[in-house]
Amino acid sequence: VVSVALMPPTLIASIYGMNFKTMPELE
């Protein structure tokens, strides 16, 4: 259960941890 519960937060953190130049959400 803990692993499943942490999967979505981990996915969000992974997405916004990427270093692409064009990421609108960064602004």
PDB file of all heavy atoms in Angstrom:
ATOM      1  N   VAL A   1       0.838  -1.202   0.000  1.00  0.00           N
ATOM      2  CA  VAL A   1       0.000   0.000   0.000  1.00  0.00           C
ATOM      3  C   VAL A   1       0.873   1.252   0.000  1.00  0.00           C
ATOM      4  O   VAL A   1       0.608   2.222  -0.731  1.00  0.00           O
ATOM      5  CB  VAL A   1      -0.940  -0.015   1.219  1.00  0.00           C
ATOM      6  CG1 VAL A   1      -1.655   1.312   1.371  1.00  0.00           C
ATOM      7  CG2 VAL A   1      -1.952  -1.143   1.078  1.00  0.00           C
ATOM      8  N   VAL A   2       1.910   1.237   0.812  1.00  0.00           N
ATOM      9  CA  VAL A   2       2.813   2.391   0.852  1.00  0.00           C
ATOM     10  C   VAL A   2       3.460   2.610  -0.510  1.00  0.00           C
ATOM     11  O   VAL A   2       3.584   3.749  -0.992  1.00  0.00           O
ATOM     12  CB  VAL A   2       3.870   2.192   1.949  1.00  0.00           C
ATOM     13  CG1 VAL A   2       4.936   3.277   1.872  1.00  0.00           C
ATOM     14  CG2 VAL A   2       3.217   2.190   3.321  1.00  0.00           C
ATOM     15  N   SER A   3       3.864   1.526  -1.168  1.00  0.00           N
ATOM     16  CA  SER A   3       4.490   1.652  -2.491  1.00  0.00           C
ATOM     17  C   SER A   3       3.519   2.237  -3.510  1.00  0.00           C
ATOM     18  O   SER A   3       3.873   3.134  -4.297  1.00  0.00           O
ATOM     19  CB  SER A   3       4.976   0.283  -2.971  1.00  0.00           C
ATOM     20  OG  SER A   3       5.913  -0.253  -2.071  1.00  0.00           O
ATOM     21  N   VAL A   4       2.264   1.743  -3.507  1.00  0.00           N
ATOM     22  CA  VAL A   4       1.266   2.259  -4.439  1.00  0.00           C
ATOM     23  C   VAL A   4       0.954   3.717  -4.148  1.00  0.00           C
ATOM     24  O   VAL A   4       0.795   4.541  -5.060  1.00  0.00           O
ATOM     25  CB  VAL A   4      -0.009   1.396  -4.382  1.00  0.00           C
ATOM     26  CG1 VAL A   4      -1.125   2.023  -5.199  1.00  0.00           C
ATOM     27  CG2 VAL A   4       0.282   0.000  -4.892  1.00  0.00           C
ATOM     28  N   ALA A   5       0.856   4.061  -2.858  1.00  0.00           N
ATOM     29  CA  ALA A   5       0.542   5.442  -2.486  1.00  0.00           C
ATOM     30  C   ALA A   5       1.647   6.405  -2.891  1.00  0.00           C
ATOM     31  O   ALA A   5       1.387   7.592  -3.195  1.00  0.00           O
ATOM     32  CB  ALA A   5       0.284   5.522  -0.989  1.00  0.00           C
ATOM     33  N   LEU A   6       2.867   5.952  -2.927  1.00  0.00           N
ATOM     34  CA  LEU A   6       3.995   6.836  -3.265  1.00  0.00           C
ATOM     35  C   LEU A   6       4.278   6.888  -4.758  1.00  0.00           C
ATOM     36  O   LEU A   6       5.097   7.710  -5.202  1.00  0.00           O
ATOM     37  CB  LEU A   6       5.254   6.369  -2.520  1.00  0.00           C
ATOM     38  CG  LEU A   6       5.240   6.550  -0.997  1.00  0.00           C
ATOM     39  CD1 LEU A   6       6.527   6.018  -0.400  1.00  0.00           C
ATOM     40  CD2 LEU A   6       5.060   8.012  -0.618  1.00  0.00           C
ATOM     41  N   MET A   7       3.641   6.039  -5.515  1.00  0.00           N
ATOM     42  CA  MET A   7       3.900   6.061  -6.965  1.00  0.00           C
ATOM     43  C   MET A   7       3.475   7.366  -7.641  1.00  0.00           C
ATOM     44  O   MET A   7       4.269   7.959  -8.397  1.00  0.00           O
ATOM     45  CB  MET A   7       3.216   4.861  -7.625  1.00  0.00           C
ATOM     46  CG  MET A   7       3.923   3.531  -7.377  1.00  0.00           C
ATOM     47  SD  MET A   7       3.018   2.128  -8.046  1.00  0.00           S
ATOM     48  CE  MET A   7       3.058   2.518  -9.791  1.00  0.00           C
ATOM     49  N   PRO A   8       2.230   7.881  -7.427  1.00  0.00           N
ATOM     50  CA  PRO A   8       1.856   9.162  -8.080  1.00  0.00           C
ATOM     51  C   PRO A   8       2.745  10.339  -7.672  1.00  0.00           C
ATOM     52  O   PRO A   8       3.192  11.097  -8.541  1.00  0.00           O
ATOM     53  CB  PRO A   8       0.396   9.363  -7.651  1.00  0.00           C
ATOM     54  CG  PRO A   8      -0.099   7.986  -7.346  1.00  0.00           C
ATOM     55  CD  PRO A   8       1.069   7.280  -6.764  1.00  0.00           C
ATOM     56  N   PRO A   9       3.007  10.522  -6.352  1.00  0.00           N
ATOM     57  CA  PRO A   9       3.923  11.623  -6.004  1.00  0.00           C
ATOM     58  C   PRO A   9       5.299  11.463  -6.637  1.00  0.00           C
ATOM     59  O   PRO A   9       5.920  12.451  -7.060  1.00  0.00           O
ATOM     60  CB  PRO A   9       3.997  11.542  -4.479  1.00  0.00           C
ATOM     61  CG  PRO A   9       2.743  10.870  -4.065  1.00  0.00           C
ATOM     62  CD  PRO A   9       2.437   9.899  -5.145  1.00  0.00           C
ATOM     63  N   THR A  10       5.755  10.231  -6.713  1.00  0.00           N
ATOM     64  CA  THR A  10       7.060   9.995  -7.338  1.00  0.00           C
ATOM     65  C   THR A  10       7.024  10.349  -8.820  1.00  0.00           C
ATOM     66  O   THR A  10       7.983  10.926  -9.362  1.00  0.00           O
ATOM     67  CB  THR A  10       7.462   8.521  -7.160  1.00  0.00           C
ATOM     68  OG1 THR A  10       7.484   8.194  -5.776  1.00  0.00           O
ATOM     69  CG2 THR A  10       8.839   8.266  -7.745  1.00  0.00           C
ATOM     70  N   LEU A  11       5.902  10.005  -9.482  1.00  0.00           N
ATOM     71  CA  LEU A  11       5.770  10.348 -10.897  1.00  0.00           C
ATOM     72  C   LEU A  11       5.781  11.863 -11.105  1.00  0.00           C
ATOM     73  O   LEU A  11       6.465  12.372 -11.999  1.00  0.00           O
ATOM     74  CB  LEU A  11       4.468   9.741 -11.433  1.00  0.00           C
ATOM     75  CG  LEU A  11       4.146  10.071 -12.896  1.00  0.00           C
ATOM     76  CD1 LEU A  11       5.234   9.519 -13.817  1.00  0.00           C
ATOM     77  CD2 LEU A  11       2.782   9.509 -13.271  1.00  0.00           C
ATOM     78  N   ILE A  12       5.016  12.601 -10.278  1.00  0.00           N
ATOM     79  CA  ILE A  12       4.980  14.068 -10.398  1.00  0.00           C
ATOM     80  C   ILE A  12       6.363  14.666 -10.157  1.00  0.00           C
ATOM     81  O   ILE A  12       6.836  15.545 -10.899  1.00  0.00           O
ATOM     82  CB  ILE A  12       3.947  14.647  -9.412  1.00  0.00           C
ATOM     83  CG1 ILE A  12       2.535  14.179  -9.784  1.00  0.00           C
ATOM     84  CG2 ILE A  12       4.010  16.169  -9.395  1.00  0.00           C
ATOM     85  CD1 ILE A  12       1.476  14.555  -8.774  1.00  0.00           C
ATOM     86  N   ALA A  13       7.020  14.181  -9.096  1.00  0.00           N
ATOM     87  CA  ALA A  13       8.363  14.699  -8.793  1.00  0.00           C
ATOM     88  C   ALA A  13       9.337  14.373  -9.915  1.00  0.00           C
ATOM     89  O   ALA A  13      10.242  15.179 -10.232  1.00  0.00           O
ATOM     90  CB  ALA A  13       8.854  14.117  -7.470  1.00  0.00           C
ATOM     91  N   SER A  14       9.178  13.208 -10.541  1.00  0.00           N
ATOM     92  CA  SER A  14      10.079  12.831 -11.631  1.00  0.00           C
ATOM     93  C   SER A  14       9.859  13.721 -12.847  1.00  0.00           C
ATOM     94  O   SER A  14      10.824  14.123 -13.526  1.00  0.00           O
ATOM     95  CB  SER A  14       9.840  11.355 -12.012  1.00  0.00           C
ATOM     96  OG  SER A  14      10.090  10.526 -10.899  1.00  0.00           O
ATOM     97  N   ILE A  15       8.583  14.022 -13.134  1.00  0.00           N
ATOM     98  CA  ILE A  15       8.298  14.858 -14.306  1.00  0.00           C
ATOM     99  C   ILE A  15       8.901  16.238 -14.146  1.00  0.00           C
ATOM    100  O   ILE A  15       9.580  16.757 -15.045  1.00  0.00           O
ATOM    101  CB  ILE A  15       6.773  14.952 -14.538  1.00  0.00           C
ATOM    102  CG1 ILE A  15       6.231  13.588 -14.971  1.00  0.00           C
ATOM    103  CG2 ILE A  15       6.446  16.017 -15.582  1.00  0.00           C
ATOM    104  CD1 ILE A  15       4.726  13.540 -15.083  1.00  0.00           C
ATOM    105  N   TYR A  16       8.655  16.843 -12.987  1.00  0.00           N
ATOM    106  CA  TYR A  16       9.147  18.221 -12.808  1.00  0.00           C
ATOM    107  C   TYR A  16      10.596  18.263 -12.337  1.00  0.00           C
ATOM    108  O   TYR A  16      11.124  19.335 -12.059  1.00  0.00           O
ATOM    109  CB  TYR A  16       8.232  18.976 -11.842  1.00  0.00           C
ATOM    110  CG  TYR A  16       6.876  19.204 -12.434  1.00  0.00           C
ATOM    111  CD1 TYR A  16       5.775  18.491 -11.994  1.00  0.00           C
ATOM    112  CD2 TYR A  16       6.696  20.110 -13.472  1.00  0.00           C
ATOM    113  CE1 TYR A  16       4.534  18.678 -12.557  1.00  0.00           C
ATOM    114  CE2 TYR A  16       5.455  20.315 -14.042  1.00  0.00           C
ATOM    115  CZ  TYR A  16       4.369  19.594 -13.583  1.00  0.00           C
ATOM    116  OH  TYR A  16       3.138  19.788 -14.149  1.00  0.00           O
ATOM    117  N   GLY A  17      11.200  17.110 -12.252  1.00  0.00           N
ATOM    118  CA  GLY A  17      12.634  17.091 -11.980  1.00  0.00           C
ATOM    119  C   GLY A  17      13.464  17.015 -13.243  1.00  0.00           C
ATOM    120  O   GLY A  17      14.701  17.008 -13.181  1.00  0.00           O
ATOM    121  N   MET A  18      12.789  16.935 -14.412  1.00  0.00           N
ATOM    122  CA  MET A  18      13.509  16.887 -15.681  1.00  0.00           C
ATOM    123  C   MET A  18      14.037  18.276 -16.060  1.00  0.00           C
ATOM    124  O   MET A  18      13.446  19.294 -15.686  1.00  0.00           O
ATOM    125  CB  MET A  18      12.579  16.350 -16.775  1.00  0.00           C
ATOM    126  CG  MET A  18      12.164  14.897 -16.540  1.00  0.00           C
ATOM    127  SD  MET A  18      11.198  14.194 -17.893  1.00  0.00           S
ATOM    128  CE  MET A  18       9.698  15.163 -17.765  1.00  0.00           C
ATOM    129  N   ASN A  19      15.083  18.320 -16.813  1.00  0.00           N
ATOM    130  CA  ASN A  19      15.770  19.580 -17.141  1.00  0.00           C
ATOM    131  C   ASN A  19      15.595  19.977 -18.611  1.00  0.00           C
ATOM    132  O   ASN A  19      16.552  20.309 -19.305  1.00  0.00           O
ATOM    133  CB  ASN A  19      17.273  19.471 -16.823  1.00  0.00           C
ATOM    134  CG  ASN A  19      17.520  19.318 -15.327  1.00  0.00           C
ATOM    135  OD1 ASN A  19      16.860  19.968 -14.537  1.00  0.00           O
ATOM    136  ND2 ASN A  19      18.466  18.461 -14.974  1.00  0.00           N
ATOM    137  N   PHE A  20      14.343  19.882 -19.107  1.00  0.00           N
ATOM    138  CA  PHE A  20      14.098  20.364 -20.464  1.00  0.00           C
ATOM    139  C   PHE A  20      13.952  21.894 -20.466  1.00  0.00           C
ATOM    140  O   PHE A  20      13.470  22.478 -19.494  1.00  0.00           O
ATOM    141  CB  PHE A  20      12.824  19.709 -21.039  1.00  0.00           C
ATOM    142  CG  PHE A  20      13.004  18.241 -21.305  1.00  0.00           C
ATOM    143  CD1 PHE A  20      12.416  17.300 -20.475  1.00  0.00           C
ATOM    144  CD2 PHE A  20      13.781  17.812 -22.368  1.00  0.00           C
ATOM    145  CE1 PHE A  20      12.581  15.950 -20.706  1.00  0.00           C
ATOM    146  CE2 PHE A  20      13.949  16.455 -22.606  1.00  0.00           C
ATOM    147  CZ  PHE A  20      13.359  15.525 -21.793  1.00  0.00           C
ATOM    148  N   LYS A  21      14.334  22.497 -21.588  1.00  0.00           N
ATOM    149  CA  LYS A  21      14.309  23.959 -21.661  1.00  0.00           C
ATOM    150  C   LYS A  21      12.894  24.500 -21.713  1.00  0.00           C
ATOM    151  O   LYS A  21      12.568  25.513 -21.080  1.00  0.00           O
ATOM    152  CB  LYS A  21      15.094  24.415 -22.897  1.00  0.00           C
ATOM    153  CG  LYS A  21      15.201  25.931 -23.015  1.00  0.00           C
ATOM    154  CD  LYS A  21      16.078  26.302 -24.208  1.00  0.00           C
ATOM    155  CE  LYS A  21      16.206  27.836 -24.298  1.00  0.00           C
ATOM    156  NZ  LYS A  21      17.040  28.231 -25.450  1.00  0.00           N
ATOM    157  N   THR A  22      12.009  23.816 -22.455  1.00  0.00           N
ATOM    158  CA  THR A  22      10.636  24.297 -22.603  1.00  0.00           C
ATOM    159  C   THR A  22       9.728  23.489 -21.689  1.00  0.00           C
ATOM    160  O   THR A  22       9.311  22.361 -22.008  1.00  0.00           O
ATOM    161  CB  THR A  22      10.164  24.149 -24.060  1.00  0.00           C
ATOM    162  OG1 THR A  22      11.073  24.854 -24.915  1.00  0.00           O
ATOM    163  CG2 THR A  22       8.767  24.710 -24.241  1.00  0.00           C
ATOM    164  N   MET A  23       9.433  24.009 -20.526  1.00  0.00           N
ATOM    165  CA  MET A  23       8.485  23.426 -19.587  1.00  0.00           C
ATOM    166  C   MET A  23       7.649  24.577 -19.040  1.00  0.00           C
ATOM    167  O   MET A  23       8.092  25.310 -18.150  1.00  0.00           O
ATOM    168  CB  MET A  23       9.203  22.694 -18.440  1.00  0.00           C
ATOM    169  CG  MET A  23       9.983  21.462 -18.899  1.00  0.00           C
ATOM    170  SD  MET A  23      10.711  20.545 -17.535  1.00  0.00           S
ATOM    171  CE  MET A  23       9.255  19.911 -16.745  1.00  0.00           C
ATOM    172  N   PRO A  24       6.425  24.772 -19.583  1.00  0.00           N
ATOM    173  CA  PRO A  24       5.620  25.951 -19.211  1.00  0.00           C
ATOM    174  C   PRO A  24       5.349  26.047 -17.718  1.00  0.00           C
ATOM    175  O   PRO A  24       5.266  27.157 -17.172  1.00  0.00           O
ATOM    176  CB  PRO A  24       4.307  25.727 -19.988  1.00  0.00           C
ATOM    177  CG  PRO A  24       4.676  24.821 -21.113  1.00  0.00           C
ATOM    178  CD  PRO A  24       5.761  23.948 -20.600  1.00  0.00           C
ATOM    179  N   GLU A  25       5.202  24.920 -17.050  1.00  0.00           N
ATOM    180  CA  GLU A  25       4.853  24.960 -15.640  1.00  0.00           C
ATOM    181  C   GLU A  25       5.930  25.600 -14.775  1.00  0.00           C
ATOM    182  O   GLU A  25       5.669  26.054 -13.665  1.00  0.00           O
ATOM    183  CB  GLU A  25       4.571  23.542 -15.112  1.00  0.00           C
ATOM    184  CG  GLU A  25       3.354  22.869 -15.727  1.00  0.00           C
ATOM    185  CD  GLU A  25       3.708  22.173 -17.029  1.00  0.00           C
ATOM    186  OE1 GLU A  25       4.860  22.323 -17.471  1.00  0.00           O
ATOM    187  OE2 GLU A  25       2.855  21.463 -17.581  1.00  0.00           O
ATOM    188  N   LEU A  26       7.158  25.658 -15.311  1.00  0.00           N
ATOM    189  CA  LEU A  26       8.241  26.253 -14.521  1.00  0.00           C
ATOM    190  C   LEU A  26       8.040  27.754 -14.335  1.00  0.00           C
ATOM    191  O   LEU A  26       8.621  28.347 -13.414  1.00  0.00           O
ATOM    192  CB  LEU A  26       9.589  25.979 -15.196  1.00  0.00           C
ATOM    193  CG  LEU A  26      10.032  24.507 -15.267  1.00  0.00           C
ATOM    194  CD1 LEU A  26      11.360  24.391 -16.001  1.00  0.00           C
ATOM    195  CD2 LEU A  26      10.145  23.903 -13.879  1.00  0.00           C
ATOM    196  N   GLU A  27       7.227  28.358 -15.209  1.00  0.00           N
ATOM    197  CA  GLU A  27       6.991  29.807 -15.111  1.00  0.00           C
ATOM    198  C   GLU A  27       5.760  30.132 -14.275  1.00  0.00           C
ATOM    199  O   GLU A  27       5.470  31.304 -14.048  1.00  0.00           O
ATOM    200  CB  GLU A  27       6.812  30.399 -16.527  1.00  0.00           C
ATOM    201  CG  GLU A  27       7.985  30.154 -17.456  1.00  0.00           C
ATOM    202  CD  GLU A  27       9.262  30.828 -16.956  1.00  0.00           C
ATOM    203  OE1 GLU A  27       9.141  31.884 -16.277  1.00  0.00           O
ATOM    204  OE2 GLU A  27      10.373  30.310 -17.207  1.00  0.00           O
TER     205      GLU A  27
END
